[in-house]
Amino acid sequence: MANGKEASACWCQRVTISAAVLARVPEPLRGQVCICASCNSMQGKTNSRES
């Protein structure tokens, strides 16, 4: 995990991350990078840089 802790200790193990948020992770990085709480709270919202 990014901060060196076990994955089971991460906040993300206790919440549901939507498919829309997961889809925003680039394909080569899926299953390898963390999604932060701030990004998860943007579920379904578009990034202003993408508009």
PDB file of N, CA and C in Angstrom:
ATOM      1  N   MET A   1       0.829  -1.173   0.000  1.00  0.00           N
ATOM      2  CA  MET A   1       0.000   0.000   0.000  1.00  0.00           C
ATOM      3  C   MET A   1       0.878   1.242   0.000  1.00  0.00           C
ATOM      4  N   ALA A   2       0.350   2.330  -0.460  1.00  0.00           N
ATOM      5  CA  ALA A   2       1.128   3.550  -0.630  1.00  0.00           C
ATOM      6  C   ALA A   2       1.787   4.051   0.649  1.00  0.00           C
ATOM      7  N   ASN A   3       1.111   3.940   1.780  1.00  0.00           N
ATOM      8  CA  ASN A   3       1.696   4.459   3.018  1.00  0.00           C
ATOM      9  C   ASN A   3       2.454   3.390   3.802  1.00  0.00           C
ATOM     10  N   GLY A   4       2.623   2.218   3.241  1.00  0.00           N
ATOM     11  CA  GLY A   4       3.398   1.162   3.872  1.00  0.00           C
ATOM     12  C   GLY A   4       2.629   0.303   4.860  1.00  0.00           C
ATOM     13  N   LYS A   5       1.344   0.561   5.056  1.00  0.00           N
ATOM     14  CA  LYS A   5       0.530  -0.232   5.971  1.00  0.00           C
ATOM     15  C   LYS A   5      -0.145  -1.361   5.211  1.00  0.00           C
ATOM     16  N   GLU A   6      -0.648  -2.324   5.949  1.00  0.00           N
ATOM     17  CA  GLU A   6      -1.403  -3.414   5.348  1.00  0.00           C
ATOM     18  C   GLU A   6      -2.683  -2.875   4.712  1.00  0.00           C
ATOM     19  N   ALA A   7      -3.090  -3.449   3.607  1.00  0.00           N
ATOM     20  CA  ALA A   7      -4.305  -3.001   2.916  1.00  0.00           C
ATOM     21  C   ALA A   7      -5.532  -3.098   3.810  1.00  0.00           C
ATOM     22  N   SER A   8      -5.571  -4.082   4.694  1.00  0.00           N
ATOM     23  CA  SER A   8      -6.740  -4.239   5.572  1.00  0.00           C
ATOM     24  C   SER A   8      -6.903  -3.079   6.540  1.00  0.00           C
ATOM     25  N   ALA A   9      -5.851  -2.281   6.748  1.00  0.00           N
ATOM     26  CA  ALA A   9      -5.915  -1.131   7.650  1.00  0.00           C
ATOM     27  C   ALA A   9      -6.411   0.130   6.939  1.00  0.00           C
ATOM     28  N   CYS A  10      -6.597   0.077   5.641  1.00  0.00           N
ATOM     29  CA  CYS A  10      -6.963   1.265   4.861  1.00  0.00           C
ATOM     30  C   CYS A  10      -8.454   1.571   4.988  1.00  0.00           C
ATOM     31  N   TRP A  11      -8.776   2.853   4.985  1.00  0.00           N
ATOM     32  CA  TRP A  11     -10.165   3.311   5.051  1.00  0.00           C
ATOM     33  C   TRP A  11     -10.989   2.708   3.918  1.00  0.00           C
ATOM     34  N   CYS A  12     -10.361   2.491   2.775  1.00  0.00           N
ATOM     35  CA  CYS A  12     -11.099   2.036   1.591  1.00  0.00           C
ATOM     36  C   CYS A  12     -11.621   0.609   1.724  1.00  0.00           C
ATOM     37  N   GLN A  13     -11.114  -0.125   2.683  1.00  0.00           N
ATOM     38  CA  GLN A  13     -11.593  -1.491   2.905  1.00  0.00           C
ATOM     39  C   GLN A  13     -12.942  -1.500   3.616  1.00  0.00           C
ATOM     40  N   ARG A  14     -13.363  -0.340   4.119  1.00  0.00           N
ATOM     41  CA  ARG A  14     -14.621  -0.244   4.866  1.00  0.00           C
ATOM     42  C   ARG A  14     -15.706   0.511   4.103  1.00  0.00           C
ATOM     43  N   VAL A  15     -15.461   0.881   2.859  1.00  0.00           N
ATOM     44  CA  VAL A  15     -16.445   1.619   2.063  1.00  0.00           C
ATOM     45  C   VAL A  15     -16.609   0.956   0.699  1.00  0.00           C
ATOM     46  N   THR A  16     -17.645   1.372   0.000  1.00  0.00           N
ATOM     47  CA  THR A  16     -17.840   0.915  -1.373  1.00  0.00           C
ATOM     48  C   THR A  16     -17.348   2.009  -2.305  1.00  0.00           C
ATOM     49  N   ILE A  17     -16.497   1.632  -3.233  1.00  0.00           N
ATOM     50  CA  ILE A  17     -16.004   2.576  -4.238  1.00  0.00           C
ATOM     51  C   ILE A  17     -16.758   2.273  -5.525  1.00  0.00           C
ATOM     52  N   SER A  18     -17.405   3.284  -6.061  1.00  0.00           N
ATOM     53  CA  SER A  18     -18.272   3.081  -7.222  1.00  0.00           C
ATOM     54  C   SER A  18     -17.484   2.700  -8.470  1.00  0.00           C
ATOM     55  N   ALA A  19     -18.168   2.077  -9.377  1.00  0.00           N
ATOM     56  CA  ALA A  19     -17.569   1.710 -10.663  1.00  0.00           C
ATOM     57  C   ALA A  19     -17.132   2.959 -11.420  1.00  0.00           C
ATOM     58  N   ALA A  20     -17.873   4.068 -11.254  1.00  0.00           N
ATOM     59  CA  ALA A  20     -17.522   5.320 -11.942  1.00  0.00           C
ATOM     60  C   ALA A  20     -16.168   5.839 -11.472  1.00  0.00           C
ATOM     61  N   VAL A  21     -15.908   5.760 -10.169  1.00  0.00           N
ATOM     62  CA  VAL A  21     -14.622   6.206  -9.639  1.00  0.00           C
ATOM     63  C   VAL A  21     -13.516   5.254 -10.099  1.00  0.00           C
ATOM     64  N   LEU A  22     -13.752   3.968 -10.009  1.00  0.00           N
ATOM     65  CA  LEU A  22     -12.748   2.984 -10.440  1.00  0.00           C
ATOM     66  C   LEU A  22     -12.421   3.137 -11.919  1.00  0.00           C
ATOM     67  N   ALA A  23     -13.413   3.500 -12.725  1.00  0.00           N
ATOM     68  CA  ALA A  23     -13.199   3.658 -14.167  1.00  0.00           C
ATOM     69  C   ALA A  23     -12.275   4.825 -14.492  1.00  0.00           C
ATOM     70  N   ARG A  24     -12.132   5.758 -13.556  1.00  0.00           N
ATOM     71  CA  ARG A  24     -11.259   6.922 -13.788  1.00  0.00           C
ATOM     72  C   ARG A  24      -9.778   6.581 -13.614  1.00  0.00           C
ATOM     73  N   VAL A  25      -9.491   5.415 -13.037  1.00  0.00           N
ATOM     74  CA  VAL A  25      -8.089   4.990 -12.876  1.00  0.00           C
ATOM     75  C   VAL A  25      -7.606   4.464 -14.224  1.00  0.00           C
ATOM     76  N   PRO A  26      -6.489   4.970 -14.724  1.00  0.00           N
ATOM     77  CA  PRO A  26      -5.971   4.488 -16.009  1.00  0.00           C
ATOM     78  C   PRO A  26      -5.741   2.976 -15.990  1.00  0.00           C
ATOM     79  N   GLU A  27      -6.090   2.322 -17.066  1.00  0.00           N
ATOM     80  CA  GLU A  27      -6.018   0.863 -17.173  1.00  0.00           C
ATOM     81  C   GLU A  27      -4.705   0.274 -16.643  1.00  0.00           C
ATOM     82  N   PRO A  28      -3.526   0.804 -17.016  1.00  0.00           N
ATOM     83  CA  PRO A  28      -2.281   0.180 -16.546  1.00  0.00           C
ATOM     84  C   PRO A  28      -2.069   0.285 -15.027  1.00  0.00           C
ATOM     85  N   LEU A  29      -2.822   1.161 -14.367  1.00  0.00           N
ATOM     86  CA  LEU A  29      -2.638   1.367 -12.932  1.00  0.00           C
ATOM     87  C   LEU A  29      -3.692   0.675 -12.078  1.00  0.00           C
ATOM     88  N   ARG A  30      -4.712   0.118 -12.713  1.00  0.00           N
ATOM     89  CA  ARG A  30      -5.787  -0.530 -11.960  1.00  0.00           C
ATOM     90  C   ARG A  30      -5.253  -1.714 -11.168  1.00  0.00           C
ATOM     91  N   GLY A  31      -5.659  -1.762  -9.912  1.00  0.00           N
ATOM     92  CA  GLY A  31      -5.209  -2.821  -9.017  1.00  0.00           C
ATOM     93  C   GLY A  31      -3.828  -2.569  -8.442  1.00  0.00           C
ATOM     94  N   GLN A  32      -3.235  -1.416  -8.765  1.00  0.00           N
ATOM     95  CA  GLN A  32      -1.888  -1.117  -8.298  1.00  0.00           C
ATOM     96  C   GLN A  32      -1.799   0.178  -7.508  1.00  0.00           C
ATOM     97  N   VAL A  33      -2.756   1.079  -7.682  1.00  0.00           N
ATOM     98  CA  VAL A  33      -2.708   2.376  -7.008  1.00  0.00           C
ATOM     99  C   VAL A  33      -3.895   2.528  -6.058  1.00  0.00           C
ATOM    100  N   CYS A  34      -3.733   3.440  -5.125  1.00  0.00           N
ATOM    101  CA  CYS A  34      -4.789   3.741  -4.158  1.00  0.00           C
ATOM    102  C   CYS A  34      -5.716   4.831  -4.704  1.00  0.00           C
ATOM    103  N   ILE A  35      -6.949   4.812  -4.237  1.00  0.00           N
ATOM    104  CA  ILE A  35      -7.895   5.888  -4.505  1.00  0.00           C
ATOM    105  C   ILE A  35      -8.083   6.608  -3.184  1.00  0.00           C
ATOM    106  N   CYS A  36      -7.842   7.899  -3.176  1.00  0.00           N
ATOM    107  CA  CYS A  36      -7.942   8.652  -1.924  1.00  0.00           C
ATOM    108  C   CYS A  36      -9.402   8.958  -1.597  1.00  0.00           C
ATOM    109  N   ALA A  37      -9.652   9.289  -0.341  1.00  0.00           N
ATOM    110  CA  ALA A  37     -11.013   9.580   0.101  1.00  0.00           C
ATOM    111  C   ALA A  37     -11.607  10.758  -0.660  1.00  0.00           C
ATOM    112  N   SER A  38     -10.788  11.749  -0.980  1.00  0.00           N
ATOM    113  CA  SER A  38     -11.273  12.912  -1.722  1.00  0.00           C
ATOM    114  C   SER A  38     -11.764  12.500  -3.110  1.00  0.00           C
ATOM    115  N   CYS A  39     -10.997  11.684  -3.799  1.00  0.00           N
ATOM    116  CA  CYS A  39     -11.415  11.213  -5.129  1.00  0.00           C
ATOM    117  C   CYS A  39     -12.666  10.348  -5.030  1.00  0.00           C
ATOM    118  N   ASN A  40     -12.744   9.522  -4.006  1.00  0.00           N
ATOM    119  CA  ASN A  40     -13.914   8.677  -3.841  1.00  0.00           C
ATOM    120  C   ASN A  40     -15.160   9.511  -3.581  1.00  0.00           C
ATOM    121  N   SER A  41     -15.014  10.650  -2.918  1.00  0.00           N
ATOM    122  CA  SER A  41     -16.176  11.494  -2.628  1.00  0.00           C
ATOM    123  C   SER A  41     -16.690  12.196  -3.880  1.00  0.00           C
ATOM    124  N   MET A  42     -15.924  12.165  -4.961  1.00  0.00           N
ATOM    125  CA  MET A  42     -16.327  12.800  -6.219  1.00  0.00           C
ATOM    126  C   MET A  42     -17.139  11.853  -7.105  1.00  0.00           C
ATOM    127  N   GLN A  43     -17.662  10.783  -6.569  1.00  0.00           N
ATOM    128  CA  GLN A  43     -18.363   9.762  -7.337  1.00  0.00           C
ATOM    129  C   GLN A  43     -19.293  10.354  -8.379  1.00  0.00           C
ATOM    130  N   GLY A  44     -18.991  10.053  -9.638  1.00  0.00           N
ATOM    131  CA  GLY A  44     -19.833  10.472 -10.742  1.00  0.00           C
ATOM    132  C   GLY A  44     -19.617  11.902 -11.205  1.00  0.00           C
ATOM    133  N   LYS A  45     -18.844  12.685 -10.472  1.00  0.00           N
ATOM    134  CA  LYS A  45     -18.592  14.076 -10.859  1.00  0.00           C
ATOM    135  C   LYS A  45     -17.454  14.110 -11.866  1.00  0.00           C
ATOM    136  N   THR A  46     -17.469  15.075 -12.748  1.00  0.00           N
ATOM    137  CA  THR A  46     -16.397  15.197 -13.728  1.00  0.00           C
ATOM    138  C   THR A  46     -15.324  16.134 -13.210  1.00  0.00           C
ATOM    139  N   ASN A  47     -14.129  15.912 -13.639  1.00  0.00           N
ATOM    140  CA  ASN A  47     -12.999  16.751 -13.284  1.00  0.00           C
ATOM    141  C   ASN A  47     -13.046  18.004 -14.140  1.00  0.00           C
ATOM    142  N   SER A  48     -12.879  19.171 -13.554  1.00  0.00           N
ATOM    143  CA  SER A  48     -12.983  20.419 -14.316  1.00  0.00           C
ATOM    144  C   SER A  48     -11.968  20.480 -15.450  1.00  0.00           C
ATOM    145  N   ARG A  49     -10.863  19.763 -15.333  1.00  0.00           N
ATOM    146  CA  ARG A  49      -9.874  19.735 -16.397  1.00  0.00           C
ATOM    147  C   ARG A  49     -10.346  18.911 -17.583  1.00  0.00           C
ATOM    148  N   GLU A  50     -11.352  18.073 -17.375  1.00  0.00           N
ATOM    149  CA  GLU A  50     -11.854  17.215 -18.454  1.00  0.00           C
ATOM    150  C   GLU A  50     -12.998  17.864 -19.204  1.00  0.00           C
ATOM    151  N   SER A  51     -13.529  18.960 -18.723  1.00  0.00           N
ATOM    152  CA  SER A  51     -14.697  19.606 -19.336  1.00  0.00           C
ATOM    153  C   SER A  51     -14.337  20.289 -20.629  1.00  0.00           C
TER     154      SER A  51
END
